[in-house]
Protein backbone atom coordinates (compact mmCIF):
# COMPACT_ATOMS: atom_id res chain seq x y z
CA UNK A 1 0.00 0.00 0.00
CA UNK A 2 1.36 3.42 -0.96
CA UNK A 3 1.79 5.76 2.00
CA UNK A 4 0.44 9.28 1.86
CA UNK A 5 3.53 11.55 1.84
CA UNK A 6 1.71 14.03 4.07
CA UNK A 7 1.81 11.52 6.92
CA UNK A 8 5.60 11.20 6.88
CA UNK A 9 6.12 14.36 8.90
CA UNK A 10 3.98 16.95 10.66
CA UNK A 11 2.62 19.70 8.47
CA UNK A 12 4.27 23.12 8.85
CA UNK A 13 1.96 26.04 9.71
CA UNK A 14 0.90 28.44 7.02
CA UNK A 15 3.20 31.42 6.37
CA UNK A 16 1.25 33.94 8.44
CA UNK A 17 1.27 31.66 11.49
CA UNK A 18 4.89 30.57 11.09
CA UNK A 19 6.02 34.19 11.00
CA UNK A 20 4.76 34.60 14.56
CA UNK A 21 6.53 31.43 15.64
CA UNK A 22 9.92 32.40 14.24
CA UNK A 23 9.78 36.13 14.94
CA UNK A 24 13.15 37.42 16.16
CA UNK A 25 14.71 40.75 16.96
CA UNK A 26 17.17 41.38 14.12
CA UNK A 27 20.20 43.65 14.40
CA UNK A 28 22.36 44.68 11.45
CA UNK A 29 26.05 45.03 12.29
CA UNK A 30 28.83 46.37 10.07
CA UNK A 31 32.25 45.29 11.29
CA UNK A 32 35.48 43.60 10.32
CA UNK A 33 36.26 39.92 10.58
CA UNK A 34 38.59 39.28 13.52
CA UNK A 35 40.38 35.92 13.19
CA UNK A 36 41.58 36.10 16.81
CA UNK A 37 38.02 36.23 18.14
CA UNK A 38 38.84 39.28 20.23
CA UNK A 39 36.27 41.62 18.72
CA UNK A 40 34.90 42.48 15.31
CA UNK A 41 32.01 40.42 13.99
CA UNK A 42 32.92 37.52 16.29
CA UNK A 43 32.34 39.73 19.32
CA UNK A 44 29.23 41.32 17.85
CA UNK A 45 27.39 38.13 17.00
CA UNK A 46 28.08 36.37 20.31
CA UNK A 47 27.23 39.44 22.41
CA UNK A 48 24.02 40.12 20.49
CA UNK A 49 22.93 36.49 20.79
CA UNK A 50 23.67 36.58 24.52
CA UNK A 51 21.16 39.39 25.08
CA UNK A 52 18.48 37.92 22.86
CA UNK A 53 18.95 39.33 19.35
CA UNK A 54 19.68 37.80 15.96
CA UNK A 55 22.77 39.36 14.34
CA UNK A 56 22.92 40.09 10.62
CA UNK A 57 26.69 40.35 10.18
CA UNK A 58 28.02 42.48 7.31
CA UNK A 59 31.75 41.99 6.68
CA UNK A 60 33.62 45.23 5.94
CA UNK A 61 37.02 43.55 5.63
CA UNK A 62 39.37 41.47 7.74
CA UNK A 63 42.03 42.16 10.29
CA UNK A 64 45.34 40.38 10.31
CA UNK A 65 45.85 40.11 14.03
CA UNK A 66 46.35 37.94 17.08
CA UNK A 67 45.48 38.58 20.71
CA UNK A 68 48.51 40.86 21.09
CA UNK A 69 48.19 43.33 18.22
CA UNK A 70 46.61 44.27 14.91
CA UNK A 71 49.17 43.78 12.14
CA UNK A 72 47.19 44.78 9.05
CA UNK A 73 43.72 45.20 7.58
CA UNK A 74 42.25 44.33 4.20
CA UNK A 75 38.99 46.15 3.40
CA UNK A 76 36.15 44.87 1.25
CA UNK A 77 35.10 47.21 -1.53
CA UNK A 78 32.01 49.34 -0.94
CA UNK A 79 29.90 47.44 -3.49
CA UNK A 80 30.45 44.17 -1.62
CA UNK A 81 29.41 45.83 1.65
CA UNK A 82 26.30 47.34 0.06
CA UNK A 83 25.24 44.08 -1.62
CA UNK A 84 25.55 42.13 1.65
CA UNK A 85 23.44 44.62 3.57
CA UNK A 86 20.72 45.25 1.00
CA UNK A 87 20.19 41.52 0.49
CA UNK A 88 19.38 40.85 4.15
CA UNK A 89 17.49 44.13 4.57
CA UNK A 90 15.10 43.07 1.80
CA UNK A 91 14.48 39.79 3.62
CA UNK A 92 14.31 40.65 7.34
CA UNK A 93 13.10 43.61 9.37
CA UNK A 94 15.88 45.32 11.32
CA UNK A 95 15.30 47.00 14.69
CA UNK A 96 18.76 48.57 15.17
CA UNK A 97 22.06 49.02 13.36
CA UNK A 98 25.57 48.88 14.78
CA UNK A 99 28.55 50.35 12.95
CA UNK A 100 31.93 49.06 14.09
CA UNK A 101 35.10 49.33 12.03
CA UNK A 102 34.12 50.03 8.41
CA UNK A 103 37.69 49.87 7.11
CA UNK A 104 37.64 52.70 4.56
CA UNK A 105 35.99 56.05 3.75
CA UNK A 106 34.29 54.37 0.78
CA UNK A 107 32.67 51.81 3.06
CA UNK A 108 31.57 54.56 5.43
CA UNK A 109 29.90 56.30 2.50
CA UNK A 110 28.12 53.07 1.54
CA UNK A 111 26.94 52.51 5.13
CA UNK A 112 25.75 56.11 5.41
CA UNK A 113 23.69 55.68 2.23
CA UNK A 114 22.10 52.54 3.67
CA UNK A 115 21.29 54.04 7.06
CA UNK A 116 19.79 57.09 5.34
CA UNK A 117 17.35 54.76 3.57
CA UNK A 118 16.34 53.36 6.98
CA UNK A 119 16.23 56.62 8.89
CA UNK A 120 13.71 55.31 11.43
CA UNK A 121 16.16 52.62 12.63
CA UNK A 122 18.50 53.71 15.48
CA UNK A 123 22.23 53.64 14.69
CA UNK A 124 24.79 52.88 17.42
CA UNK A 125 28.28 53.75 16.19
CA UNK A 126 31.42 52.54 17.93
CA UNK A 127 34.77 54.24 17.39
CA UNK A 128 37.63 51.85 18.20
CA UNK A 129 41.22 52.75 18.93
CA UNK A 130 42.91 53.19 15.53
CA UNK A 131 46.45 53.84 16.77
CA UNK A 132 47.68 50.66 15.00
CA UNK A 133 46.87 52.27 11.61
CA UNK A 134 48.94 54.80 9.65
CA UNK A 135 48.28 58.49 10.41
CA UNK A 136 47.06 59.37 6.92
CA UNK A 137 44.54 56.50 6.87
CA UNK A 138 43.33 57.44 10.34
CA UNK A 139 42.75 61.05 9.30
CA UNK A 140 40.86 60.04 6.15
CA UNK A 141 38.71 57.60 8.09
CA UNK A 142 37.85 60.01 10.91
CA UNK A 143 37.03 62.82 8.48
CA UNK A 144 34.65 60.56 6.54
CA UNK A 145 33.06 59.26 9.73
CA UNK A 146 32.55 62.78 11.00
CA UNK A 147 31.02 64.05 7.77
CA UNK A 148 28.98 61.05 6.63
CA UNK A 149 28.01 58.89 9.59
CA UNK A 150 27.88 61.07 12.70
CA UNK A 151 24.86 63.02 11.38
CA UNK A 152 22.95 59.70 11.30
CA UNK A 153 24.24 58.32 14.60
CA UNK A 154 21.79 57.90 17.48
CA UNK A 155 24.38 56.89 20.11
CA UNK A 156 28.16 57.28 19.78
CA UNK A 157 30.19 54.82 21.86
CA UNK A 158 33.90 55.10 22.53
CA UNK A 159 36.66 55.23 25.08
CA UNK A 160 37.24 58.63 26.69
CA UNK A 161 40.79 59.00 25.36
CA UNK A 162 39.79 57.93 21.82
CA UNK A 163 36.83 60.30 21.61
CA UNK A 164 38.78 63.16 23.19
CA UNK A 165 41.60 62.95 20.64
CA UNK A 166 39.11 62.75 17.78
CA UNK A 167 36.40 65.23 18.72
CA UNK A 168 38.43 67.69 20.81
CA UNK A 169 41.85 67.75 19.12
CA UNK A 170 42.56 71.32 20.22
CA UNK A 171 41.71 70.77 23.88
CA UNK A 172 44.36 72.65 25.88
CA UNK A 173 42.83 72.76 29.36
CA UNK A 174 44.88 71.27 32.21
CA UNK A 175 41.96 69.05 33.18
CA UNK A 176 40.57 66.30 30.94
CA UNK A 177 37.26 67.04 29.20
CA UNK A 178 34.14 65.65 30.81
CA UNK A 179 31.86 63.16 29.11
CA UNK A 180 29.31 65.92 28.58
CA UNK A 181 31.88 68.14 26.90
CA UNK A 182 32.70 65.27 24.53
CA UNK A 183 28.96 64.83 23.88
CA UNK A 184 28.68 68.54 23.11
CA UNK A 185 31.44 68.18 20.51
CA UNK A 186 29.67 65.15 19.00
CA UNK A 187 26.35 67.01 18.94
CA UNK A 188 27.82 69.58 16.56
CA UNK A 189 27.72 66.79 13.98
CA UNK A 190 24.18 65.73 14.89
CA UNK A 191 24.77 63.06 17.58
CA UNK A 192 22.08 63.24 20.31
CA UNK A 193 23.66 60.80 22.81
CA UNK A 194 27.18 59.62 23.66
CA UNK A 195 28.34 56.74 25.83
CA UNK A 196 31.85 57.63 27.00
CA UNK A 197 33.72 54.74 28.61
CA UNK A 198 36.92 54.30 30.61
CA UNK A 199 36.86 57.70 32.32
CA UNK A 200 39.50 57.64 35.09
CA UNK A 201 38.09 58.28 38.56
CA UNK A 202 41.05 57.22 40.70
CA UNK A 203 43.63 54.45 40.71
CA UNK A 204 40.99 51.85 41.53
CA UNK A 205 37.92 52.89 39.54
CA UNK A 206 36.76 54.22 36.20
CA UNK A 207 33.42 55.58 35.06
CA UNK A 208 31.18 55.04 32.04
CA UNK A 209 28.78 57.88 31.30
CA UNK A 210 25.72 58.09 29.05
CA UNK A 211 25.08 61.75 28.32
CA UNK A 212 23.42 64.18 26.00
CA UNK A 213 24.82 67.67 25.33
CA UNK A 214 22.35 69.01 27.89
CA UNK A 215 22.70 66.60 30.81
CA UNK A 216 24.16 63.35 32.09
CA UNK A 217 21.57 60.59 31.80
CA UNK A 218 23.33 57.93 33.83
CA UNK A 219 26.68 56.47 34.77
CA UNK A 220 28.19 53.24 35.99
CA UNK A 221 31.40 53.10 38.00
CA UNK A 222 33.43 49.88 37.94
CA UNK A 223 36.62 48.57 39.49
CA UNK A 224 39.76 49.00 37.42
CA UNK A 225 41.13 45.59 36.46
CA UNK A 226 44.88 45.01 36.52
CA UNK A 227 44.86 43.24 33.15
CA UNK A 228 44.42 44.35 29.54
CA UNK A 229 41.47 43.21 27.41
CA UNK A 230 40.90 43.12 23.66
CA UNK A 231 37.35 43.45 22.34
CA UNK A 232 35.66 45.16 25.29
CA UNK A 233 34.38 48.10 23.22
CA UNK A 234 32.88 45.89 20.52
CA UNK A 235 31.23 43.78 23.20
CA UNK A 236 29.64 46.75 24.95
CA UNK A 237 28.42 48.49 21.78
CA UNK A 238 27.03 45.23 20.36
CA UNK A 239 25.13 44.45 23.56
CA UNK A 240 23.79 48.01 23.72
CA UNK A 241 22.58 47.85 20.10
CA UNK A 242 20.84 44.53 20.69
CA UNK A 243 19.16 45.74 23.87
CA UNK A 244 17.95 48.90 22.13
CA UNK A 245 16.60 46.67 19.35
CA UNK A 246 14.73 44.65 21.97
CA UNK A 247 12.78 47.83 22.73
CA UNK A 248 14.63 48.71 25.92
CA UNK A 249 14.75 52.29 27.13
CA UNK A 250 18.16 53.78 26.30
CA UNK A 251 19.02 54.28 29.96
CA UNK A 252 17.98 50.73 30.89
CA UNK A 253 19.74 49.31 27.84
CA UNK A 254 22.96 51.09 28.80
CA UNK A 255 22.79 49.84 32.38
CA UNK A 256 22.16 46.26 31.21
CA UNK A 257 24.94 46.46 28.61
CA UNK A 258 27.45 47.72 31.19
CA UNK A 259 26.50 44.98 33.65
CA UNK A 260 26.81 42.42 30.87
CA UNK A 261 30.27 43.72 29.93
CA UNK A 262 31.34 43.62 33.57
CA UNK A 263 30.36 39.95 33.73
CA UNK A 264 32.23 39.26 30.48
CA UNK A 265 35.40 40.85 31.79
CA UNK A 266 35.26 39.22 35.22
CA UNK A 267 35.07 35.85 33.45
CA UNK A 268 37.71 36.82 30.87
CA UNK A 269 40.20 34.29 29.61
CA UNK A 270 43.53 34.25 27.74
CA UNK A 271 43.45 31.85 24.75
CA UNK A 272 46.80 32.97 23.39
CA UNK A 273 49.94 34.78 24.49
CA UNK A 274 48.47 38.29 24.36
CA UNK A 275 45.56 40.10 25.95
CA UNK A 276 42.60 38.60 27.74
CA UNK A 277 39.30 38.30 25.87
CA UNK A 278 35.82 38.89 27.31
CA UNK A 279 33.82 35.72 27.94
CA UNK A 280 30.61 36.76 26.18
CA UNK A 281 28.91 33.53 27.18
CA UNK A 282 29.87 33.71 30.84
CA UNK A 283 26.25 33.34 31.94
CA UNK A 284 26.08 29.87 30.35
CA UNK A 285 28.94 28.51 32.45
CA UNK A 286 27.99 26.40 35.47
CA UNK A 287 29.92 26.93 38.67
CA UNK A 288 30.91 24.41 41.31
CA UNK A 289 27.95 25.32 43.50
CA UNK A 290 25.53 24.50 40.69
CA UNK A 291 27.26 21.16 40.12
CA UNK A 292 27.13 20.29 43.83
CA UNK A 293 23.47 21.31 43.99
CA UNK A 294 22.76 19.15 40.96
CA UNK A 295 24.45 16.16 42.58
CA UNK A 296 22.41 16.66 45.75
CA UNK A 297 19.16 16.89 43.76
CA UNK A 298 20.04 13.73 41.84
CA UNK A 299 20.81 11.87 45.04
CA UNK A 300 17.53 13.03 46.59
CA UNK A 301 15.63 11.96 43.49
CA UNK A 302 17.23 8.53 43.46
CA UNK A 303 16.45 8.06 47.16
CA UNK A 304 12.77 8.57 46.36
CA UNK A 305 12.91 5.97 43.62
CA UNK A 306 12.22 8.39 40.76
CA UNK A 307 14.42 9.12 37.78
CA UNK A 308 16.16 12.47 37.57
CA UNK A 309 14.85 12.75 34.01
CA UNK A 310 11.28 12.70 35.26
CA UNK A 311 11.82 15.95 37.15
CA UNK A 312 13.55 17.73 34.28
CA UNK A 313 11.66 20.68 32.81
CA UNK A 314 12.62 22.86 29.86
CA UNK A 315 13.06 26.44 31.12
CA UNK A 316 11.20 29.31 29.42
CA UNK A 317 12.88 31.03 26.48
CA UNK A 318 14.06 34.04 28.47
CA UNK A 319 17.51 35.60 28.40
CA UNK A 320 18.55 37.88 31.20
CA UNK A 321 21.78 39.14 32.74
């Protein structure tokens, strides 16, 4: 007897129902491939997944680097960047966009054209430390970023020293500029909010400040670690973008992103001979207490004559940090 092929497997729901079942918060991220896993798209995708978003990763080029230093960079051409982004944008709705290292002024122009077409989508732009690059390439890149992308940026993220050198090059005051003064400089190019990180407080602490040109919105002070990390900025900006995409208030999203980064750094590890890397999946690691508790529960279950599997329940699909 011939079997009806429809009975071989369950029927899938119709398209309109399946869309509800597979709905996900999608985040578009432009960044470079990082073969060391320190930052770049590797950091973006794992951090975004950790806070509950689906990353659409657009490759702008690739670093040649290890955990100690960046040796070189090879950019993609702007057409390749545009084609990658437009293809996924035509397929999936995007709730937020992150811009990491674009690699060239031409790629920045391509990204600016794309973000202009999606002007209702918030853009979180991260400015990394470019001191490994040649001075002429740095100047060209920063000028293009300032002219093309800052006017479309919703939140600018960067280390205090990096943003100070870029946005306030003529600063000659004996004291360092405040986060709000950096935000005021960014606002001249159309940026409404800035998240300034790594602000020295004393020998033991540093501050991270979310501010507008008008007022400080919030800050988080953390202990200064005695070790050097690679990829912290990409991790923070990626988590912030994903949390904003998940419809979090900017202040709440910043607080959650900073707490997430703190957990990543506290669980950091050294896979090579260079800097430590953030453990972006730290929350998934079980500690000894959990293992001991699990052993006790198993023993208690066995003593009652029931299988440990009988008591196992799948947890709800919630991600929190």
